[in-house]
Amino acid sequence: METLTDQVMQIISKQLKLPLERLTPDTALQDLGVASLDFIEIIFALEEKFDISIPYNANEAPGAGKGDAASVGLGKLETIAQISVAVKCLIDAKTSA
């Protein structure tokens, strides 16, 4: 069975058109040359796949219709592992609501 991290890596691989083998949980998006538009496309793909809403704009007020970022522990989304943890927290928060 695929882990959540595996699924996140597949989405990032597809969005960036990179071989899956280049990605590990510790891979930093910056090391992959991810631009802001790439990041937004990854966020949209994750939201669609997992039916969640990821607050990715630092200027967005927590709880502004996107779920309370502070309550699910969203911090910096720099590595695949951090993104996976954030996605898991949002899924858990959604299912417990």
PDB file of N, CA and C in Angstrom:
ATOM      1  N   MET A   1       0.837  -1.192   0.000  1.00  0.00           N
ATOM      2  CA  MET A   1       0.000   0.000   0.000  1.00  0.00           C
ATOM      3  C   MET A   1       0.882   1.257   0.000  1.00  0.00           C
ATOM      4  N   GLU A   2       0.484   2.235  -0.796  1.00  0.00           N
ATOM      5  CA  GLU A   2       1.250   3.472  -0.884  1.00  0.00           C
ATOM      6  C   GLU A   2       1.068   4.320   0.365  1.00  0.00           C
ATOM      7  N   THR A   3       2.149   4.897   0.811  1.00  0.00           N
ATOM      8  CA  THR A   3       2.049   5.825   1.933  1.00  0.00           C
ATOM      9  C   THR A   3       1.644   7.194   1.403  1.00  0.00           C
ATOM     10  N   LEU A   4       1.239   8.043   2.312  1.00  0.00           N
ATOM     11  CA  LEU A   4       0.886   9.413   1.946  1.00  0.00           C
ATOM     12  C   LEU A   4       2.095  10.114   1.318  1.00  0.00           C
ATOM     13  N   THR A   5       3.264   9.888   1.880  1.00  0.00           N
ATOM     14  CA  THR A   5       4.482  10.503   1.341  1.00  0.00           C
ATOM     15  C   THR A   5       4.737  10.035  -0.086  1.00  0.00           C
ATOM     16  N   ASP A   6       4.505   8.746  -0.361  1.00  0.00           N
ATOM     17  CA  ASP A   6       4.659   8.232  -1.724  1.00  0.00           C
ATOM     18  C   ASP A   6       3.718   8.955  -2.688  1.00  0.00           C
ATOM     19  N   GLN A   7       2.493   9.154  -2.256  1.00  0.00           N
ATOM     20  CA  GLN A   7       1.512   9.834  -3.098  1.00  0.00           C
ATOM     21  C   GLN A   7       1.916  11.292  -3.341  1.00  0.00           C
ATOM     22  N   VAL A   8       2.409  11.956  -2.295  1.00  0.00           N
ATOM     23  CA  VAL A   8       2.873  13.342  -2.438  1.00  0.00           C
ATOM     24  C   VAL A   8       4.052  13.390  -3.409  1.00  0.00           C
ATOM     25  N   MET A   9       4.986  12.456  -3.288  1.00  0.00           N
ATOM     26  CA  MET A   9       6.141  12.421  -4.192  1.00  0.00           C
ATOM     27  C   MET A   9       5.694  12.194  -5.637  1.00  0.00           C
ATOM     28  N   GLN A  10       4.690  11.340  -5.844  1.00  0.00           N
ATOM     29  CA  GLN A  10       4.186  11.100  -7.200  1.00  0.00           C
ATOM     30  C   GLN A  10       3.586  12.368  -7.799  1.00  0.00           C
ATOM     31  N   ILE A  11       2.839  13.104  -6.993  1.00  0.00           N
ATOM     32  CA  ILE A  11       2.237  14.355  -7.473  1.00  0.00           C
ATOM     33  C   ILE A  11       3.328  15.363  -7.826  1.00  0.00           C
ATOM     34  N   ILE A  12       4.315  15.504  -6.956  1.00  0.00           N
ATOM     35  CA  ILE A  12       5.409  16.457  -7.214  1.00  0.00           C
ATOM     36  C   ILE A  12       6.193  16.035  -8.452  1.00  0.00           C
ATOM     37  N   SER A  13       6.452  14.749  -8.579  1.00  0.00           N
ATOM     38  CA  SER A  13       7.160  14.219  -9.744  1.00  0.00           C
ATOM     39  C   SER A  13       6.406  14.545 -11.033  1.00  0.00           C
ATOM     40  N   LYS A  14       5.102  14.336 -11.007  1.00  0.00           N
ATOM     41  CA  LYS A  14       4.274  14.594 -12.186  1.00  0.00           C
ATOM     42  C   LYS A  14       4.224  16.089 -12.504  1.00  0.00           C
ATOM     43  N   GLN A  15       4.018  16.924 -11.485  1.00  0.00           N
ATOM     44  CA  GLN A  15       3.906  18.363 -11.699  1.00  0.00           C
ATOM     45  C   GLN A  15       5.213  18.963 -12.227  1.00  0.00           C
ATOM     46  N   LEU A  16       6.335  18.475 -11.728  1.00  0.00           N
ATOM     47  CA  LEU A  16       7.633  19.028 -12.122  1.00  0.00           C
ATOM     48  C   LEU A  16       8.260  18.281 -13.292  1.00  0.00           C
ATOM     49  N   LYS A  17       7.584  17.216 -13.727  1.00  0.00           N
ATOM     50  CA  LYS A  17       8.092  16.379 -14.817  1.00  0.00           C
ATOM     51  C   LYS A  17       9.502  15.881 -14.514  1.00  0.00           C
ATOM     52  N   LEU A  18       9.646  15.362 -13.289  1.00  0.00           N
ATOM     53  CA  LEU A  18      10.916  14.808 -12.833  1.00  0.00           C
ATOM     54  C   LEU A  18      10.755  13.319 -12.583  1.00  0.00           C
ATOM     55  N   PRO A  19      11.836  12.545 -12.739  1.00  0.00           N
ATOM     56  CA  PRO A  19      11.745  11.118 -12.394  1.00  0.00           C
ATOM     57  C   PRO A  19      11.503  10.943 -10.898  1.00  0.00           C
ATOM     58  N   LEU A  20      10.598  10.051 -10.557  1.00  0.00           N
ATOM     59  CA  LEU A  20      10.257   9.788  -9.157  1.00  0.00           C
ATOM     60  C   LEU A  20      11.504   9.407  -8.355  1.00  0.00           C
ATOM     61  N   GLU A  21      12.454   8.756  -8.991  1.00  0.00           N
ATOM     62  CA  GLU A  21      13.662   8.299  -8.314  1.00  0.00           C
ATOM     63  C   GLU A  21      14.500   9.460  -7.769  1.00  0.00           C
ATOM     64  N   ARG A  22      14.296  10.671  -8.296  1.00  0.00           N
ATOM     65  CA  ARG A  22      15.047  11.846  -7.820  1.00  0.00           C
ATOM     66  C   ARG A  22      14.527  12.360  -6.497  1.00  0.00           C
ATOM     67  N   LEU A  23      13.354  11.901  -6.097  1.00  0.00           N
ATOM     68  CA  LEU A  23      12.703  12.450  -4.909  1.00  0.00           C
ATOM     69  C   LEU A  23      12.821  11.520  -3.717  1.00  0.00           C
ATOM     70  N   THR A  24      13.055  12.132  -2.552  1.00  0.00           N
ATOM     71  CA  THR A  24      13.019  11.416  -1.278  1.00  0.00           C
ATOM     72  C   THR A  24      12.231  12.312  -0.318  1.00  0.00           C
ATOM     73  N   PRO A  25      11.824  11.785   0.831  1.00  0.00           N
ATOM     74  CA  PRO A  25      11.123  12.639   1.788  1.00  0.00           C
ATOM     75  C   PRO A  25      11.939  13.865   2.207  1.00  0.00           C
ATOM     76  N   ASP A  26      13.259  13.756   2.185  1.00  0.00           N
ATOM     77  CA  ASP A  26      14.117  14.872   2.610  1.00  0.00           C
ATOM     78  C   ASP A  26      14.428  15.859   1.486  1.00  0.00           C
ATOM     79  N   THR A  27      13.941  15.585   0.283  1.00  0.00           N
ATOM     80  CA  THR A  27      14.201  16.476  -0.842  1.00  0.00           C
ATOM     81  C   THR A  27      13.552  17.835  -0.604  1.00  0.00           C
ATOM     82  N   ALA A  28      14.350  18.881  -0.714  1.00  0.00           N
ATOM     83  CA  ALA A  28      13.832  20.247  -0.575  1.00  0.00           C
ATOM     84  C   ALA A  28      13.355  20.733  -1.934  1.00  0.00           C
ATOM     85  N   LEU A  29      12.201  21.388  -1.939  1.00  0.00           N
ATOM     86  CA  LEU A  29      11.662  21.896  -3.193  1.00  0.00           C
ATOM     87  C   LEU A  29      12.630  22.885  -3.842  1.00  0.00           C
ATOM     88  N   GLN A  30      13.310  23.655  -3.022  1.00  0.00           N
ATOM     89  CA  GLN A  30      14.277  24.627  -3.535  1.00  0.00           C
ATOM     90  C   GLN A  30      15.381  23.918  -4.327  1.00  0.00           C
ATOM     91  N   ASP A  31      15.791  22.733  -3.856  1.00  0.00           N
ATOM     92  CA  ASP A  31      16.833  21.972  -4.546  1.00  0.00           C
ATOM     93  C   ASP A  31      16.358  21.473  -5.909  1.00  0.00           C
ATOM     94  N   LEU A  32      15.045  21.397  -6.085  1.00  0.00           N
ATOM     95  CA  LEU A  32      14.476  20.950  -7.359  1.00  0.00           C
ATOM     96  C   LEU A  32      14.227  22.122  -8.302  1.00  0.00           C
ATOM     97  N   GLY A  33      14.515  23.327  -7.834  1.00  0.00           N
ATOM     98  CA  GLY A  33      14.307  24.512  -8.654  1.00  0.00           C
ATOM     99  C   GLY A  33      12.847  24.910  -8.770  1.00  0.00           C
ATOM    100  N   VAL A  34      12.069  24.623  -7.734  1.00  0.00           N
ATOM    101  CA  VAL A  34      10.644  24.929  -7.759  1.00  0.00           C
ATOM    102  C   VAL A  34      10.418  26.435  -7.679  1.00  0.00           C
ATOM    103  N   ALA A  35       9.771  26.971  -8.685  1.00  0.00           N
ATOM    104  CA  ALA A  35       9.397  28.381  -8.692  1.00  0.00           C
ATOM    105  C   ALA A  35       8.031  28.530  -8.029  1.00  0.00           C
ATOM    106  N   SER A  36       7.629  29.764  -7.754  1.00  0.00           N
ATOM    107  CA  SER A  36       6.365  29.980  -7.049  1.00  0.00           C
ATOM    108  C   SER A  36       5.178  29.417  -7.827  1.00  0.00           C
ATOM    109  N   LEU A  37       5.190  29.544  -9.159  1.00  0.00           N
ATOM    110  CA  LEU A  37       4.087  28.993  -9.956  1.00  0.00           C
ATOM    111  C   LEU A  37       4.057  27.468  -9.848  1.00  0.00           C
ATOM    112  N   ASP A  38       5.248  26.846  -9.876  1.00  0.00           N
ATOM    113  CA  ASP A  38       5.320  25.389  -9.704  1.00  0.00           C
ATOM    114  C   ASP A  38       4.732  24.987  -8.361  1.00  0.00           C
ATOM    115  N   PHE A  39       5.074  25.744  -7.321  1.00  0.00           N
ATOM    116  CA  PHE A  39       4.597  25.431  -5.977  1.00  0.00           C
ATOM    117  C   PHE A  39       3.074  25.521  -5.917  1.00  0.00           C
ATOM    118  N   ILE A  40       2.519  26.565  -6.527  1.00  0.00           N
ATOM    119  CA  ILE A  40       1.060  26.729  -6.539  1.00  0.00           C
ATOM    120  C   ILE A  40       0.404  25.561  -7.268  1.00  0.00           C
ATOM    121  N   GLU A  41       0.985  25.128  -8.376  1.00  0.00           N
ATOM    122  CA  GLU A  41       0.430  23.989  -9.114  1.00  0.00           C
ATOM    123  C   GLU A  41       0.495  22.711  -8.284  1.00  0.00           C
ATOM    124  N   ILE A  42       1.576  22.541  -7.530  1.00  0.00           N
ATOM    125  CA  ILE A  42       1.693  21.371  -6.637  1.00  0.00           C
ATOM    126  C   ILE A  42       0.604  21.439  -5.567  1.00  0.00           C
ATOM    127  N   ILE A  43       0.417  22.617  -4.981  1.00  0.00           N
ATOM    128  CA  ILE A  43      -0.616  22.795  -3.949  1.00  0.00           C
ATOM    129  C   ILE A  43      -1.991  22.443  -4.516  1.00  0.00           C
ATOM    130  N   PHE A  44      -2.304  22.970  -5.702  1.00  0.00           N
ATOM    131  CA  PHE A  44      -3.608  22.680  -6.322  1.00  0.00           C
ATOM    132  C   PHE A  44      -3.782  21.181  -6.563  1.00  0.00           C
ATOM    133  N   ALA A  45      -2.728  20.516  -7.030  1.00  0.00           N
ATOM    134  CA  ALA A  45      -2.803  19.074  -7.299  1.00  0.00           C
ATOM    135  C   ALA A  45      -3.022  18.295  -5.995  1.00  0.00           C
ATOM    136  N   LEU A  46      -2.349  18.711  -4.925  1.00  0.00           N
ATOM    137  CA  LEU A  46      -2.528  18.051  -3.625  1.00  0.00           C
ATOM    138  C   LEU A  46      -3.944  18.272  -3.098  1.00  0.00           C
ATOM    139  N   GLU A  47      -4.443  19.501  -3.235  1.00  0.00           N
ATOM    140  CA  GLU A  47      -5.796  19.800  -2.773  1.00  0.00           C
ATOM    141  C   GLU A  47      -6.821  18.950  -3.515  1.00  0.00           C
ATOM    142  N   GLU A  48      -6.631  18.818  -4.812  1.00  0.00           N
ATOM    143  CA  GLU A  48      -7.578  18.023  -5.618  1.00  0.00           C
ATOM    144  C   GLU A  48      -7.497  16.546  -5.255  1.00  0.00           C
ATOM    145  N   LYS A  49      -6.292  16.028  -5.139  1.00  0.00           N
ATOM    146  CA  LYS A  49      -6.093  14.600  -4.848  1.00  0.00           C
ATOM    147  C   LYS A  49      -6.675  14.208  -3.484  1.00  0.00           C
ATOM    148  N   PHE A  50      -6.437  15.038  -2.471  1.00  0.00           N
ATOM    149  CA  PHE A  50      -6.819  14.678  -1.112  1.00  0.00           C
ATOM    150  C   PHE A  50      -8.077  15.387  -0.621  1.00  0.00           C
ATOM    151  N   ASP A  51      -8.696  16.202  -1.473  1.00  0.00           N
ATOM    152  CA  ASP A  51      -9.917  16.934  -1.139  1.00  0.00           C
ATOM    153  C   ASP A  51      -9.733  17.748   0.146  1.00  0.00           C
ATOM    154  N   ILE A  52      -8.659  18.537   0.147  1.00  0.00           N
ATOM    155  CA  ILE A  52      -8.341  19.402   1.282  1.00  0.00           C
ATOM    156  C   ILE A  52      -8.081  20.808   0.753  1.00  0.00           C
ATOM    157  N   SER A  53      -7.925  21.736   1.660  1.00  0.00           N
ATOM    158  CA  SER A  53      -7.590  23.107   1.297  1.00  0.00           C
ATOM    159  C   SER A  53      -6.323  23.481   2.055  1.00  0.00           C
ATOM    160  N   ILE A  54      -5.260  23.781   1.316  1.00  0.00           N
ATOM    161  CA  ILE A  54      -3.968  24.068   1.923  1.00  0.00           C
ATOM    162  C   ILE A  54      -3.741  25.574   1.925  1.00  0.00           C
ATOM    163  N   PRO A  55      -3.625  26.175   3.113  1.00  0.00           N
ATOM    164  CA  PRO A  55      -3.335  27.616   3.179  1.00  0.00           C
ATOM    165  C   PRO A  55      -1.855  27.848   2.901  1.00  0.00           C
ATOM    166  N   TYR A  56      -1.531  28.215   1.670  1.00  0.00           N
ATOM    167  CA  TYR A  56      -0.124  28.345   1.286  1.00  0.00           C
ATOM    168  C   TYR A  56       0.340  29.772   1.201  1.00  0.00           C
ATOM    169  N   ASN A  57      -0.556  30.726   1.380  1.00  0.00           N
ATOM    170  CA  ASN A  57      -0.183  32.130   1.304  1.00  0.00           C
ATOM    171  C   ASN A  57       0.082  32.660   2.706  1.00  0.00           C
ATOM    172  N   ALA A  58       1.288  33.080   2.968  1.00  0.00           N
ATOM    173  CA  ALA A  58       1.652  33.554   4.304  1.00  0.00           C
ATOM    174  C   ALA A  58       0.848  34.786   4.710  1.00  0.00           C
ATOM    175  N   ASN A  59       0.365  35.532   3.734  1.00  0.00           N
ATOM    176  CA  ASN A  59      -0.418  36.727   4.038  1.00  0.00           C
ATOM    177  C   ASN A  59      -1.872  36.409   4.335  1.00  0.00           C
ATOM    178  N   GLU A  60      -2.273  35.181   4.093  1.00  0.00           N
ATOM    179  CA  GLU A  60      -3.655  34.781   4.323  1.00  0.00           C
ATOM    180  C   GLU A  60      -3.893  34.592   5.810  1.00  0.00           C
ATOM    181  N   ALA A  61      -4.929  35.183   6.315  1.00  0.00           N
ATOM    182  CA  ALA A  61      -5.239  35.053   7.736  1.00  0.00           C
ATOM    183  C   ALA A  61      -5.637  33.616   8.052  1.00  0.00           C
ATOM    184  N   PRO A  62      -5.107  33.035   9.138  1.00  0.00           N
ATOM    185  CA  PRO A  62      -5.528  31.689   9.507  1.00  0.00           C
ATOM    186  C   PRO A  62      -7.037  31.632   9.705  1.00  0.00           C
ATOM    187  N   GLY A  63      -7.621  30.583   9.178  1.00  0.00           N
ATOM    188  CA  GLY A  63      -9.050  30.388   9.351  1.00  0.00           C
ATOM    189  C   GLY A  63      -9.892  31.162   8.351  1.00  0.00           C
ATOM    190  N   ALA A  64      -9.267  31.750   7.356  1.00  0.00           N
ATOM    191  CA  ALA A  64     -10.010  32.539   6.368  1.00  0.00           C
ATOM    192  C   ALA A  64     -10.660  31.641   5.332  1.00  0.00           C
ATOM    193  N   GLY A  65     -11.502  30.733   5.810  1.00  0.00           N
ATOM    194  CA  GLY A  65     -12.205  29.849   4.895  1.00  0.00           C
ATOM    195  C   GLY A  65     -11.361  28.704   4.394  1.00  0.00           C
ATOM    196  N   LYS A  66     -10.121  28.621   4.813  1.00  0.00           N
ATOM    197  CA  LYS A  66      -9.221  27.586   4.323  1.00  0.00           C
ATOM    198  C   LYS A  66      -8.836  26.608   5.430  1.00  0.00           C
ATOM    199  N   GLY A  67      -9.420  26.727   6.589  1.00  0.00           N
ATOM    200  CA  GLY A  67      -9.003  25.886   7.711  1.00  0.00           C
ATOM    201  C   GLY A  67      -7.965  26.639   8.518  1.00  0.00           C
ATOM    202  N   ASP A  68      -7.926  26.407   9.783  1.00  0.00           N
ATOM    203  CA  ASP A  68      -7.012  27.145  10.654  1.00  0.00           C
ATOM    204  C   ASP A  68      -5.609  26.541  10.573  1.00  0.00           C
ATOM    205  N   ALA A  69      -4.713  27.233   9.921  1.00  0.00           N
ATOM    206  CA  ALA A  69      -3.359  26.722   9.713  1.00  0.00           C
ATOM    207  C   ALA A  69      -2.653  26.456  11.027  1.00  0.00           C
ATOM    208  N   ALA A  70      -2.873  27.304  12.016  1.00  0.00           N
ATOM    209  CA  ALA A  70      -2.189  27.134  13.301  1.00  0.00           C
ATOM    210  C   ALA A  70      -2.632  25.850  13.992  1.00  0.00           C
ATOM    211  N   SER A  71      -3.892  25.504  13.870  1.00  0.00           N
ATOM    212  CA  SER A  71      -4.398  24.333  14.584  1.00  0.00           C
ATOM    213  C   SER A  71      -3.915  23.021  13.985  1.00  0.00           C
ATOM    214  N   VAL A  72      -3.526  23.021  12.721  1.00  0.00           N
ATOM    215  CA  VAL A  72      -3.037  21.780  12.122  1.00  0.00           C
ATOM    216  C   VAL A  72      -1.517  21.771  11.997  1.00  0.00           C
ATOM    217  N   GLY A  73      -0.867  22.761  12.579  1.00  0.00           N
ATOM    218  CA  GLY A  73       0.585  22.758  12.636  1.00  0.00           C
ATOM    219  C   GLY A  73       1.277  23.005  11.311  1.00  0.00           C
ATOM    220  N   LEU A  74       0.681  23.787  10.431  1.00  0.00           N
ATOM    221  CA  LEU A  74       1.339  24.087   9.165  1.00  0.00           C
ATOM    222  C   LEU A  74       2.411  25.130   9.403  1.00  0.00           C
ATOM    223  N   GLY A  75       3.591  24.801   8.998  1.00  0.00           N
ATOM    224  CA  GLY A  75       4.683  25.751   9.079  1.00  0.00           C
ATOM    225  C   GLY A  75       5.243  25.925   7.689  1.00  0.00           C
ATOM    226  N   LYS A  76       6.546  25.922   7.606  1.00  0.00           N
ATOM    227  CA  LYS A  76       7.178  26.031   6.298  1.00  0.00           C
ATOM    228  C   LYS A  76       7.013  24.719   5.547  1.00  0.00           C
ATOM    229  N   LEU A  77       6.717  24.837   4.281  1.00  0.00           N
ATOM    230  CA  LEU A  77       6.588  23.655   3.428  1.00  0.00           C
ATOM    231  C   LEU A  77       7.784  23.648   2.485  1.00  0.00           C
ATOM    232  N   GLU A  78       8.915  23.163   3.005  1.00  0.00           N
ATOM    233  CA  GLU A  78      10.151  23.213   2.229  1.00  0.00           C
ATOM    234  C   GLU A  78      10.564  21.852   1.697  1.00  0.00           C
ATOM    235  N   THR A  79      10.263  20.788   2.429  1.00  0.00           N
ATOM    236  CA  THR A  79      10.658  19.454   1.985  1.00  0.00           C
ATOM    237  C   THR A  79       9.412  18.613   1.726  1.00  0.00           C
ATOM    238  N   ILE A  80       9.605  17.519   1.031  1.00  0.00           N
ATOM    239  CA  ILE A  80       8.490  16.621   0.746  1.00  0.00           C
ATOM    240  C   ILE A  80       7.915  16.063   2.043  1.00  0.00           C
ATOM    241  N   ALA A  81       8.783  15.770   3.012  1.00  0.00           N
ATOM    242  CA  ALA A  81       8.307  15.265   4.300  1.00  0.00           C
ATOM    243  C   ALA A  81       7.426  16.298   5.001  1.00  0.00           C
ATOM    244  N   GLN A  82       7.833  17.579   4.979  1.00  0.00           N
ATOM    245  CA  GLN A  82       7.028  18.629   5.610  1.00  0.00           C
ATOM    246  C   GLN A  82       5.672  18.776   4.915  1.00  0.00           C
ATOM    247  N   ILE A  83       5.674  18.691   3.609  1.00  0.00           N
ATOM    248  CA  ILE A  83       4.414  18.769   2.859  1.00  0.00           C
ATOM    249  C   ILE A  83       3.524  17.590   3.227  1.00  0.00           C
ATOM    250  N   SER A  84       4.111  16.405   3.314  1.00  0.00           N
ATOM    251  CA  SER A  84       3.342  15.195   3.656  1.00  0.00           C
ATOM    252  C   SER A  84       2.713  15.315   5.041  1.00  0.00           C
ATOM    253  N   VAL A  85       3.474  15.832   5.997  1.00  0.00           N
ATOM    254  CA  VAL A  85       2.958  16.007   7.356  1.00  0.00           C
ATOM    255  C   VAL A  85       1.804  17.004   7.346  1.00  0.00           C
ATOM    256  N   ALA A  86       1.977  18.100   6.606  1.00  0.00           N
ATOM    257  CA  ALA A  86       0.919  19.117   6.522  1.00  0.00           C
ATOM    258  C   ALA A  86      -0.342  18.537   5.905  1.00  0.00           C
ATOM    259  N   VAL A  87      -0.181  17.772   4.833  1.00  0.00           N
ATOM    260  CA  VAL A  87      -1.337  17.151   4.173  1.00  0.00           C
ATOM    261  C   VAL A  87      -2.029  16.187   5.135  1.00  0.00           C
ATOM    262  N   LYS A  88      -1.232  15.373   5.851  1.00  0.00           N
ATOM    263  CA  LYS A  88      -1.815  14.431   6.803  1.00  0.00           C
ATOM    264  C   LYS A  88      -2.593  15.159   7.893  1.00  0.00           C
ATOM    265  N   CYS A  89      -2.024  16.246   8.412  1.00  0.00           N
ATOM    266  CA  CYS A  89      -2.713  17.032   9.445  1.00  0.00           C
ATOM    267  C   CYS A  89      -4.031  17.581   8.924  1.00  0.00           C
ATOM    268  N   LEU A  90      -4.037  18.075   7.689  1.00  0.00           N
ATOM    269  CA  LEU A  90      -5.267  18.628   7.109  1.00  0.00           C
ATOM    270  C   LEU A  90      -6.311  17.539   6.872  1.00  0.00           C
ATOM    271  N   ILE A  91      -5.851  16.365   6.439  1.00  0.00           N
ATOM    272  CA  ILE A  91      -6.784  15.241   6.246  1.00  0.00           C
ATOM    273  C   ILE A  91      -7.360  14.822   7.586  1.00  0.00           C
ATOM    274  N   ASP A  92      -6.493  14.701   8.611  1.00  0.00           N
ATOM    275  CA  ASP A  92      -6.959  14.305   9.951  1.00  0.00           C
ATOM    276  C   ASP A  92      -7.918  15.329  10.513  1.00  0.00           C
ATOM    277  N   ALA A  93      -7.620  16.618  10.341  1.00  0.00           N
ATOM    278  CA  ALA A  93      -8.483  17.678  10.851  1.00  0.00           C
ATOM    279  C   ALA A  93      -9.836  17.637  10.161  1.00  0.00           C
ATOM    280  N   LYS A  94      -9.824  17.333   8.873  1.00  0.00           N
ATOM    281  CA  LYS A  94     -11.077  17.271   8.110  1.00  0.00           C
ATOM    282  C   LYS A  94     -11.933  16.084   8.548  1.00  0.00           C
ATOM    283  N   THR A  95     -11.292  14.934   8.763  1.00  0.00           N
ATOM    284  CA  THR A  95     -12.049  13.743   9.141  1.00  0.00           C
ATOM    285  C   THR A  95     -12.540  13.796  10.580  1.00  0.00           C
ATOM    286  N   SER A  96     -11.843  14.563  11.440  1.00  0.00           N
ATOM    287  CA  SER A  96     -12.272  14.655  12.833  1.00  0.00           C
ATOM    288  C   SER A  96     -13.322  15.752  13.054  1.00  0.00           C
ATOM    289  N   ALA A  97     -13.498  16.577  12.036  1.00  0.00           N
ATOM    290  CA  ALA A  97     -14.461  17.688  12.154  1.00  0.00           C
ATOM    291  C   ALA A  97     -15.900  17.208  12.022  1.00  0.00           C
TER     292      ALA A  97
END
